C-alpha atoms as a PDB file:
ATOM      1  CA  MET A   1      -5.283  20.084 -27.413  1.00  0.00           C
ATOM      2  CA  ARG A   2      -8.159  19.426 -24.593  1.00  0.00           C
ATOM      3  CA  THR A   3     -11.358  18.628 -26.388  1.00  0.00           C
ATOM      4  CA  ASN A   4     -15.045  19.144 -24.986  1.00  0.00           C
ATOM      5  CA  ALA A   5     -17.553  16.772 -24.660  1.00  0.00           C
ATOM      6  CA  PRO A   6     -19.553  15.344 -21.791  1.00  0.00           C
ATOM      7  CA  CYS A   7     -17.231  13.585 -19.017  1.00  0.00           C
ATOM      8  CA  TRP A   8     -18.904   9.974 -19.492  1.00  0.00           C
ATOM      9  CA  TYR A   9     -17.789  10.111 -23.111  1.00  0.00           C
ATOM     10  CA  TYR A  10     -14.075  10.151 -22.059  1.00  0.00           C
ATOM     11  CA  SER A  11     -14.509   7.317 -19.865  1.00  0.00           C
ATOM     12  CA  TYR A  12     -16.318   5.390 -22.382  1.00  0.00           C
ATOM     13  CA  ALA A  13     -13.904   5.984 -25.017  1.00  0.00           C
ATOM     14  CA  LEU A  14     -10.758   5.685 -22.927  1.00  0.00           C
ATOM     15  CA  PHE A  15     -12.031   2.126 -21.122  1.00  0.00           C
ATOM     16  CA  LYS A  16     -12.734   1.136 -24.929  1.00  0.00           C
ATOM     17  CA  ILE A  17      -9.201   2.302 -26.200  1.00  0.00           C
ATOM     18  CA  LEU A  18      -7.842   0.247 -23.062  1.00  0.00           C
ATOM     19  CA  ARG A  19      -9.077  -2.787 -23.714  1.00  0.00           C
ATOM     20  CA  VAL A  20      -7.692  -2.696 -27.197  1.00  0.00           C
ATOM     21  CA  VAL A  21      -3.920  -1.949 -26.124  1.00  0.00           C
ATOM     22  CA  VAL A  22      -4.557  -4.543 -23.216  1.00  0.00           C
ATOM     23  CA  LYS A  23      -5.869  -7.125 -25.945  1.00  0.00           C
ATOM     24  CA  GLU A  24      -2.894  -6.631 -27.892  1.00  0.00           C
ATOM     25  CA  SER A  25      -0.422  -7.654 -25.376  1.00  0.00           C
ATOM     26  CA  ASN A  26      -2.337 -10.347 -23.660  1.00  0.00           C
ATOM     27  CA  CYS A  27      -0.197 -10.579 -20.763  1.00  0.00           C
ATOM     28  CA  ASP A  28      -0.220 -13.505 -18.124  1.00  0.00           C
ATOM     29  CA  CYS A  29       0.528 -11.185 -15.195  1.00  0.00           C
ATOM     30  CA  ILE A  30      -0.086  -7.612 -13.589  1.00  0.00           C
ATOM     31  CA  ALA A  31       1.933  -5.524 -10.695  1.00  0.00           C
ATOM     32  CA  LEU A  32      -1.298  -5.395  -8.604  1.00  0.00           C
ATOM     33  CA  SER A  33      -1.772  -2.468  -5.613  1.00  0.00           C
ATOM     34  CA  GLY A  34      -5.575  -2.554  -5.641  1.00  0.00           C
ATOM     35  CA  GLY A  35      -5.504   1.387  -6.344  1.00  0.00           C
ATOM     36  CA  ILE A  36      -7.145   2.785  -9.299  1.00  0.00           C
ATOM     37  CA  ASP A  37      -4.402   2.618 -12.139  1.00  0.00           C
ATOM     38  CA  SER A  38      -3.406  -1.085 -11.867  1.00  0.00           C
ATOM     39  CA  SER A  39      -7.709  -2.184 -10.951  1.00  0.00           C
ATOM     40  CA  THR A  40      -8.531  -0.042 -14.206  1.00  0.00           C
ATOM     41  CA  VAL A  41      -6.008  -1.906 -16.195  1.00  0.00           C
ATOM     42  CA  LEU A  42      -6.857  -5.681 -14.698  1.00  0.00           C
ATOM     43  CA  ALA A  43     -10.651  -4.218 -15.232  1.00  0.00           C
ATOM     44  CA  ALA A  44      -9.724  -3.893 -18.938  1.00  0.00           C
ATOM     45  CA  ALA A  45      -7.960  -7.227 -19.197  1.00  0.00           C
ATOM     46  CA  ILE A  46     -11.108  -9.235 -17.401  1.00  0.00           C
ATOM     47  CA  SER A  47     -13.089  -7.565 -19.700  1.00  0.00           C
ATOM     48  CA  GLU A  48     -11.192  -9.203 -22.702  1.00  0.00           C
ATOM     49  CA  GLY A  49     -11.245 -12.512 -21.345  1.00  0.00           C
ATOM     50  CA  ILE A  50      -7.849 -12.343 -19.938  1.00  0.00           C
ATOM     51  CA  LYS A  51      -7.260 -13.255 -16.443  1.00  0.00           C
ATOM     52  CA  PRO A  52      -3.509 -12.383 -15.639  1.00  0.00           C
ATOM     53  CA  ARG A  53      -2.158 -13.282 -11.966  1.00  0.00           C
ATOM     54  CA  GLY A  54      -1.301 -10.339  -9.698  1.00  0.00           C
ATOM     55  CA  TYR A  55       1.798  -9.368  -8.206  1.00  0.00           C
ATOM     56  CA  ALA A  56       1.970  -7.076  -4.952  1.00  0.00           C
ATOM     57  CA  SER A  57       4.970  -6.506  -2.677  1.00  0.00           C
ATOM     58  CA  VAL A  58       4.726  -6.685   0.913  1.00  0.00           C
ATOM     59  CA  TYR A  59       7.235  -5.398   3.544  1.00  0.00           C
ATOM     60  CA  ARG A  60       6.784  -7.434   6.473  1.00  0.00           C
ATOM     61  CA  ASN A  61       8.289  -4.373   8.990  1.00  0.00           C
ATOM     62  CA  GLY A  62       5.674  -1.814   7.339  1.00  0.00           C
ATOM     63  CA  LEU A  63       1.870  -1.058   7.626  1.00  0.00           C
ATOM     64  CA  PRO A  64       0.555  -1.971   4.048  1.00  0.00           C
ATOM     65  CA  LYS A  65      -2.324  -0.424   2.860  1.00  0.00           C
ATOM     66  CA  ASP A  66      -3.194  -2.349  -0.133  1.00  0.00           C
ATOM     67  CA  ILE A  67      -3.886  -5.439   1.426  1.00  0.00           C
ATOM     68  CA  ALA A  68      -7.409  -5.218   2.074  1.00  0.00           C
ATOM     69  CA  PHE A  69      -8.207  -4.219  -1.519  1.00  0.00           C
ATOM     70  CA  LEU A  70      -6.527  -6.609  -3.169  1.00  0.00           C
ATOM     71  CA  ASN A  71      -8.120  -9.453  -1.258  1.00  0.00           C
ATOM     72  CA  TYR A  72     -11.215  -7.907  -2.334  1.00  0.00           C
ATOM     73  CA  ILE A  73     -10.172  -7.745  -5.904  1.00  0.00           C
ATOM     74  CA  SER A  74      -8.854 -11.442  -5.297  1.00  0.00           C
ATOM     75  CA  LYS A  75     -12.202 -12.972  -3.901  1.00  0.00           C
ATOM     76  CA  LEU A  76     -14.328 -10.745  -6.445  1.00  0.00           C
ATOM     77  CA  PHE A  77     -12.741 -11.823  -9.936  1.00  0.00           C
ATOM     78  CA  ASN A  78     -11.772 -15.097  -8.214  1.00  0.00           C
ATOM     79  CA  LEU A  79      -8.028 -14.189  -9.168  1.00  0.00           C
ATOM     80  CA  GLU A  80      -4.678 -15.449  -8.108  1.00  0.00           C
ATOM     81  CA  VAL A  81      -2.605 -12.753  -6.255  1.00  0.00           C
ATOM     82  CA  LYS A  82       0.740 -13.615  -5.289  1.00  0.00           C
ATOM     83  CA  TYR A  83       2.455 -11.389  -2.346  1.00  0.00           C
ATOM     84  CA  VAL A  84       5.927 -10.840  -2.649  1.00  0.00           C
ATOM     85  CA  PHE A  85       7.079 -10.618   0.849  1.00  0.00           C
ATOM     86  CA  ILE A  86      10.468  -8.142   1.809  1.00  0.00           C
ATOM     87  CA  ASP A  87      12.156  -8.738   4.941  1.00  0.00           C
ATOM     88  CA  GLY A  88      14.351  -6.341   6.839  1.00  0.00           C
ATOM     89  CA  GLN A  89      17.509  -8.663   6.408  1.00  0.00           C
ATOM     90  CA  ASP A  90      16.673  -7.928   2.612  1.00  0.00           C
ATOM     91  CA  ILE A  91      16.726  -4.345   2.115  1.00  0.00           C
ATOM     92  CA  GLU A  92      20.723  -3.725   1.814  1.00  0.00           C
ATOM     93  CA  GLY A  93      20.695  -6.330  -1.265  1.00  0.00           C
ATOM     94  CA  LEU A  94      17.825  -4.887  -2.895  1.00  0.00           C
ATOM     95  CA  ARG A  95      18.901  -1.279  -2.665  1.00  0.00           C
ATOM     96  CA  LYS A  96      22.321  -2.413  -4.174  1.00  0.00           C
ATOM     97  CA  SER A  97      20.533  -4.316  -7.225  1.00  0.00           C
ATOM     98  CA  ILE A  98      18.514  -1.251  -7.733  1.00  0.00           C
ATOM     99  CA  VAL A  99      21.756   0.918  -7.991  1.00  0.00           C
ATOM    100  CA  GLU A 100      23.154  -1.876 -10.583  1.00  0.00           C
ATOM    101  CA  CYS A 101      20.033  -1.483 -12.176  1.00  0.00           C
ATOM    102  CA  ILE A 102      19.232   2.544 -12.449  1.00  0.00           C
ATOM    103  CA  GLY A 103      22.460   4.197 -10.852  1.00  0.00           C
ATOM    104  CA  GLU A 104      22.867   6.213  -7.620  1.00  0.00           C
ATOM    105  CA  GLU A 105      21.881   9.341  -9.376  1.00  0.00           C
ATOM    106  CA  LYS A 106      18.593   7.976 -10.483  1.00  0.00           C
ATOM    107  CA  LEU A 107      18.125   6.569  -6.957  1.00  0.00           C
ATOM    108  CA  ASN A 108      18.876  10.242  -5.529  1.00  0.00           C
ATOM    109  CA  SER A 109      16.393  11.841  -7.492  1.00  0.00           C
ATOM    110  CA  HIS A 110      14.741  13.396  -4.628  1.00  0.00           C
ATOM    111  CA  GLU A 111      18.070  14.358  -3.176  1.00  0.00           C
ATOM    112  CA  ASP A 112      17.817  12.999   0.177  1.00  0.00           C
ATOM    113  CA  GLY A 113      20.291  10.358   0.109  1.00  0.00           C
ATOM    114  CA  GLY A 114      17.882   8.020  -2.236  1.00  0.00           C
ATOM    115  CA  CYS A 115      15.427   7.070   0.842  1.00  0.00           C
ATOM    116  CA  ILE A 116      12.202   8.208  -1.455  1.00  0.00           C
ATOM    117  CA  GLU A 117      13.055   6.478  -4.776  1.00  0.00           C
ATOM    118  CA  PHE A 118      14.317   3.356  -2.980  1.00  0.00           C
ATOM    119  CA  ARG A 119      11.092   2.902  -0.971  1.00  0.00           C
ATOM    120  CA  ASN A 120       9.088   3.288  -3.934  1.00  0.00           C
ATOM    121  CA  ASP A 121      11.501   1.329  -6.371  1.00  0.00           C
ATOM    122  CA  ALA A 122      11.854  -1.746  -3.908  1.00  0.00           C
ATOM    123  CA  VAL A 123       8.056  -2.497  -4.416  1.00  0.00           C
ATOM    124  CA  PHE A 124       8.397  -2.444  -8.392  1.00  0.00           C
ATOM    125  CA  TYR A 125      11.760  -4.462  -8.213  1.00  0.00           C
ATOM    126  CA  SER A 126      10.779  -7.430  -5.703  1.00  0.00           C
ATOM    127  CA  VAL A 127       7.771  -7.717  -8.124  1.00  0.00           C
ATOM    128  CA  ILE A 128       8.875  -7.723 -11.642  1.00  0.00           C
ATOM    129  CA  ARG A 129      12.031 -10.107 -10.355  1.00  0.00           C
ATOM    130  CA  LYS A 130       9.458 -12.555  -9.015  1.00  0.00           C
ATOM    131  CA  ALA A 131       7.197 -12.548 -11.782  1.00  0.00           C
ATOM    132  CA  LYS A 132      10.335 -13.192 -14.211  1.00  0.00           C
ATOM    133  CA  GLU A 133      11.169 -15.750 -12.076  1.00  0.00           C
ATOM    134  CA  ASP A 134       8.142 -17.341 -12.458  1.00  0.00           C
ATOM    135  CA  GLY A 135       8.508 -17.371 -16.072  1.00  0.00           C
ATOM    136  CA  CYS A 136       5.565 -14.406 -16.953  1.00  0.00           C
ATOM    137  CA  LYS A 137       5.746 -13.486 -20.340  1.00  0.00           C
ATOM    138  CA  CYS A 138       4.810 -10.059 -19.715  1.00  0.00           C
ATOM    139  CA  ILE A 139       3.281  -8.073 -17.096  1.00  0.00           C
ATOM    140  CA  TYR A 140       0.880  -5.296 -16.847  1.00  0.00           C
ATOM    141  CA  THR A 141       1.781  -2.060 -14.664  1.00  0.00           C
ATOM    142  CA  GLY A 142      -0.781   0.968 -13.824  1.00  0.00           C
ATOM    143  CA  SER A 143       2.702   3.460 -15.396  1.00  0.00           C
ATOM    144  CA  GLY A 144       1.490   6.716 -16.098  1.00  0.00           C
ATOM    145  CA  GLY A 145      -1.832   6.991 -14.260  1.00  0.00           C
ATOM    146  CA  ASP A 146      -1.050   9.591 -11.664  1.00  0.00           C
ATOM    147  CA  GLU A 147       0.773  11.839 -14.205  1.00  0.00           C
ATOM    148  CA  ILE A 148      -1.802  11.357 -17.225  1.00  0.00           C
ATOM    149  CA  PHE A 149      -4.998  11.784 -14.963  1.00  0.00           C
ATOM    150  CA  ALA A 150      -3.579  14.265 -12.066  1.00  0.00           C
ATOM    151  CA  GLY A 151      -3.501  11.827  -9.492  1.00  0.00           C
ATOM    152  CA  TYR A 152      -0.743  13.653  -7.534  1.00  0.00           C
ATOM    153  CA  SER A 153      -1.895  15.922  -4.758  1.00  0.00           C
ATOM    154  CA  PHE A 154       0.627  18.551  -6.256  1.00  0.00           C
ATOM    155  CA  LEU A 155      -1.385  18.790  -9.038  1.00  0.00           C
ATOM    156  CA  LEU A 156      -4.938  19.162  -7.960  1.00  0.00           C
ATOM    157  CA  SER A 157      -4.104  22.782  -6.315  1.00  0.00           C
ATOM    158  CA  LYS A 158      -3.145  24.077  -9.738  1.00  0.00           C
ATOM    159  CA  GLU A 159      -4.962  26.731 -12.130  1.00  0.00           C
ATOM    160  CA  SER A 160      -6.135  24.565 -15.281  1.00  0.00           C
ATOM    161  CA  ASP A 161      -3.922  25.553 -17.700  1.00  0.00           C
ATOM    162  CA  GLU A 162      -1.070  24.936 -15.504  1.00  0.00           C
ATOM    163  CA  LEU A 163      -2.102  21.697 -14.469  1.00  0.00           C
ATOM    164  CA  ASP A 164      -2.765  20.816 -18.098  1.00  0.00           C
ATOM    165  CA  SER A 165       0.997  21.993 -18.845  1.00  0.00           C
ATOM    166  CA  SER A 166       2.054  20.254 -16.081  1.00  0.00           C
ATOM    167  CA  ILE A 167       0.420  16.755 -17.042  1.00  0.00           C
ATOM    168  CA  LYS A 168       1.948  17.214 -20.777  1.00  0.00           C
ATOM    169  CA  LYS A 169       5.352  17.122 -19.045  1.00  0.00           C
ATOM    170  CA  LEU A 170       4.963  14.351 -16.664  1.00  0.00           C
ATOM    171  CA  ALA A 171       2.876  11.673 -19.483  1.00  0.00           C
ATOM    172  CA  TYR A 172       6.719  11.751 -21.358  1.00  0.00           C
ATOM    173  CA  GLY A 173       8.781  11.761 -18.015  1.00  0.00           C
ATOM    174  CA  ARG A 174      10.584   9.188 -16.283  1.00  0.00           C
ATOM    175  CA  PHE A 175       9.235   5.819 -15.328  1.00  0.00           C
ATOM    176  CA  PRO A 176      11.631   3.660 -12.826  1.00  0.00           C
ATOM    177  CA  GLU A 177       9.543   0.886 -12.775  1.00  0.00           C
ATOM    178  CA  LEU A 178       9.695   0.413 -16.681  1.00  0.00           C
ATOM    179  CA  GLU A 179      13.649   1.057 -16.084  1.00  0.00           C
ATOM    180  CA  ILE A 180      13.987  -1.845 -13.797  1.00  0.00           C
ATOM    181  CA  ALA A 181      11.513  -3.991 -15.733  1.00  0.00           C
ATOM    182  CA  GLU A 182      14.232  -3.449 -19.039  1.00  0.00           C
ATOM    183  CA  CYS A 183      17.189  -3.881 -16.523  1.00  0.00           C
ATOM    184  CA  LEU A 184      15.725  -7.022 -15.525  1.00  0.00           C
ATOM    185  CA  LYS A 185      14.750  -8.547 -19.174  1.00  0.00           C
ATOM    186  CA  MET A 186      11.143  -8.783 -18.248  1.00  0.00           C
ATOM    187  CA  ARG A 187       8.630  -7.382 -21.087  1.00  0.00           C
ATOM    188  CA  ALA A 188       6.465  -4.568 -19.045  1.00  0.00           C
ATOM    189  CA  ILE A 189       3.477  -3.359 -20.598  1.00  0.00           C
ATOM    190  CA  ALA A 190       2.169   0.231 -19.312  1.00  0.00           C
ATOM    191  CA  PRO A 191      -1.161   0.486 -21.118  1.00  0.00           C
ATOM    192  CA  PHE A 192      -1.798   4.287 -20.128  1.00  0.00           C
ATOM    193  CA  LEU A 193       1.756   4.860 -21.553  1.00  0.00           C
ATOM    194  CA  ASP A 194       0.452   3.598 -25.156  1.00  0.00           C
ATOM    195  CA  ASN A 195       0.587   6.401 -27.579  1.00  0.00           C
ATOM    196  CA  ARG A 196      -3.234   5.914 -29.052  1.00  0.00           C
ATOM    197  CA  LEU A 197      -4.241   5.719 -25.224  1.00  0.00           C
ATOM    198  CA  ARG A 198      -1.959   8.545 -24.280  1.00  0.00           C
ATOM    199  CA  SER A 199      -2.847  10.968 -27.146  1.00  0.00           C
ATOM    200  CA  PHE A 200      -6.550  10.663 -26.267  1.00  0.00           C
ATOM    201  CA  ALA A 201      -6.454  11.061 -22.805  1.00  0.00           C
ATOM    202  CA  LEU A 202      -4.037  14.348 -23.150  1.00  0.00           C
ATOM    203  CA  SER A 203      -7.436  15.594 -24.844  1.00  0.00           C
ATOM    204  CA  ILE A 204      -9.435  15.038 -22.088  1.00  0.00           C
ATOM    205  CA  PRO A 205     -10.898  18.318 -20.099  1.00  0.00           C
ATOM    206  CA  VAL A 206      -9.330  19.195 -16.925  1.00  0.00           C
ATOM    207  CA  ASN A 207     -12.918  18.806 -15.075  1.00  0.00           C
ATOM    208  CA  CYS A 208     -12.985  15.270 -16.290  1.00  0.00           C
ATOM    209  CA  LEU A 209      -9.706  14.711 -14.397  1.00  0.00           C
ATOM    210  CA  ARG A 210     -10.173  16.809 -11.235  1.00  0.00           C
ATOM    211  CA  SER A 211     -13.686  17.335 -10.085  1.00  0.00           C
ATOM    212  CA  ASN A 212     -14.615  19.543  -7.157  1.00  0.00           C
ATOM    213  CA  GLU A 213     -13.954  16.664  -4.761  1.00  0.00           C
ATOM    214  CA  MET A 214     -10.502  17.419  -5.657  1.00  0.00           C
ATOM    215  CA  LYS A 215      -9.460  13.281  -5.669  1.00  0.00           C
ATOM    216  CA  GLY A 216      -7.819  13.406  -9.246  1.00  0.00           C
ATOM    217  CA  LYS A 217      -8.232  10.608 -11.713  1.00  0.00           C
ATOM    218  CA  ASP A 218     -12.285  11.195 -11.976  1.00  0.00           C
ATOM    219  CA  VAL A 219     -12.214   9.569 -15.539  1.00  0.00           C
ATOM    220  CA  LEU A 220     -10.314   6.479 -14.147  1.00  0.00           C
ATOM    221  CA  ARG A 221     -12.750   6.673 -10.864  1.00  0.00           C
ATOM    222  CA  GLU A 222     -15.732   6.543 -13.426  1.00  0.00           C
ATOM    223  CA  ILE A 223     -14.669   3.570 -15.479  1.00  0.00           C
ATOM    224  CA  LEU A 224     -14.064   1.541 -11.936  1.00  0.00           C
ATOM    225  CA  ARG A 225     -17.465   2.317 -11.018  1.00  0.00           C
ATOM    226  CA  GLY A 226     -19.390   1.299 -14.057  1.00  0.00           C
ATOM    227  CA  VAL A 227     -17.633  -2.306 -13.833  1.00  0.00           C
ATOM    228  CA  GLY A 228     -18.673  -2.512 -10.374  1.00  0.00           C
ATOM    229  CA  LEU A 229     -15.542  -1.654  -8.836  1.00  0.00           C
ATOM    230  CA  LYS A 230     -16.914   1.213  -6.238  1.00  0.00           C
ATOM    231  CA  LEU A 231     -14.776   0.349  -3.632  1.00  0.00           C
ATOM    232  CA  ILE A 232     -11.585   0.789  -5.439  1.00  0.00           C
ATOM    233  CA  ALA A 233     -13.113   3.945  -7.104  1.00  0.00           C
ATOM    234  CA  GLU A 234     -13.568   5.480  -4.086  1.00  0.00           C
ATOM    235  CA  ARG A 235      -9.730   4.799  -2.679  1.00  0.00           C
ATOM    236  CA  ALA A 236      -7.601   8.158  -2.083  1.00  0.00           C
ATOM    237  CA  LYS A 237      -4.156   8.291  -4.190  1.00  0.00           C
ATOM    238  CA  VAL A 238      -1.725   6.258  -1.945  1.00  0.00           C
ATOM    239  CA  PRO A 239       2.287   5.823  -3.258  1.00  0.00           C
ATOM    240  CA  ALA A 240       3.523   2.472  -3.569  1.00  0.00           C
ATOM    241  CA  GLU A 241       5.546   2.729  -0.612  1.00  0.00           C
ATOM    242  CA  SER A 242       2.791   3.051   1.553  1.00  0.00           C
ATOM    243  CA  GLY A 243       0.454   0.471   0.014  1.00  0.00           C
ATOM    244  CA  SER A 244       3.329  -1.935   0.159  1.00  0.00           C
ATOM    245  CA  GLY A 245       4.459  -0.760   3.805  1.00  0.00           C
ATOM    246  CA  THR A 246       8.234  -0.189   2.466  1.00  0.00           C
ATOM    247  CA  ARG A 247       7.800   3.707   3.564  1.00  0.00           C
ATOM    248  CA  SER A 248       9.251   2.344   6.923  1.00  0.00           C
ATOM    249  CA  MET A 249      12.136   0.919   5.221  1.00  0.00           C
ATOM    250  CA  CYS A 250      14.370   4.402   5.667  1.00  0.00           C
ATOM    251  CA  THR A 251      13.757   8.064   6.764  1.00  0.00           C
ATOM    252  CA  SER A 252      13.776  10.977   4.532  1.00  0.00           C
ATOM    253  CA  PRO A 253      14.556  14.662   5.317  1.00  0.00           C
ATOM    254  CA  LEU A 254      11.543  15.322   3.063  1.00  0.00           C
ATOM    255  CA  ASP A 255       8.963  13.015   5.005  1.00  0.00           C
ATOM    256  CA  GLU A 256       7.772  16.063   6.924  1.00  0.00           C
ATOM    257  CA  TYR A 257       6.824  17.957   3.947  1.00  0.00           C
ATOM    258  CA  ARG A 258       4.568  14.976   1.902  1.00  0.00           C
ATOM    259  CA  GLU A 259       2.422  13.930   5.137  1.00  0.00           C
END
């Protein structure tokens, strides 16, 4: 049930819970994009004296949008960020490995021959695999940020009741990156999906998630502003495939509807 308090309160309380969750797991690595979700998790870690090594995927033949923001964060926090580069020649093997992890049916979740799912899963598979190779004991992810805090564009136009209903369903949905981590036997920590945090997040009123600017994730943006990450707070939602450049890997018949 969503409660009714000033939006600043939810940002404050949410960040407090997030810090507790992050501190408990004390991961030494993080899947980082320079976007709202992973940056909020990183901010919580740094607030608790934890400085995880960042991992980010970059497709050499694409147009990655995350790099400038990753460089900004790296310099601001003196944070090590490892770029995991994907070449065109890696695509076939990467796709085969992902299918072995999640299966053809899940890869084709958008019913487009598996293109959209592959472009996004390739990001997480490459990052998590590299983190495991490097000996990371666990890796933070921003999983659940879009689902719980209304980050997807298709959620922003919904009426409040419908948005609330959609979020509650998505909050307990499928998260491919966590399936991939399990397959690779890498411990992935998704703080937004911790039951304590998720339960609190689902009590946040819709107007604190989606303001008049219709950007979504307003409660997380406020946290980022509060810790000096205004540049990140103002970022528009960018899917993993666009941030890493993997969108250029294949063409989906659904692309024209996703612009």
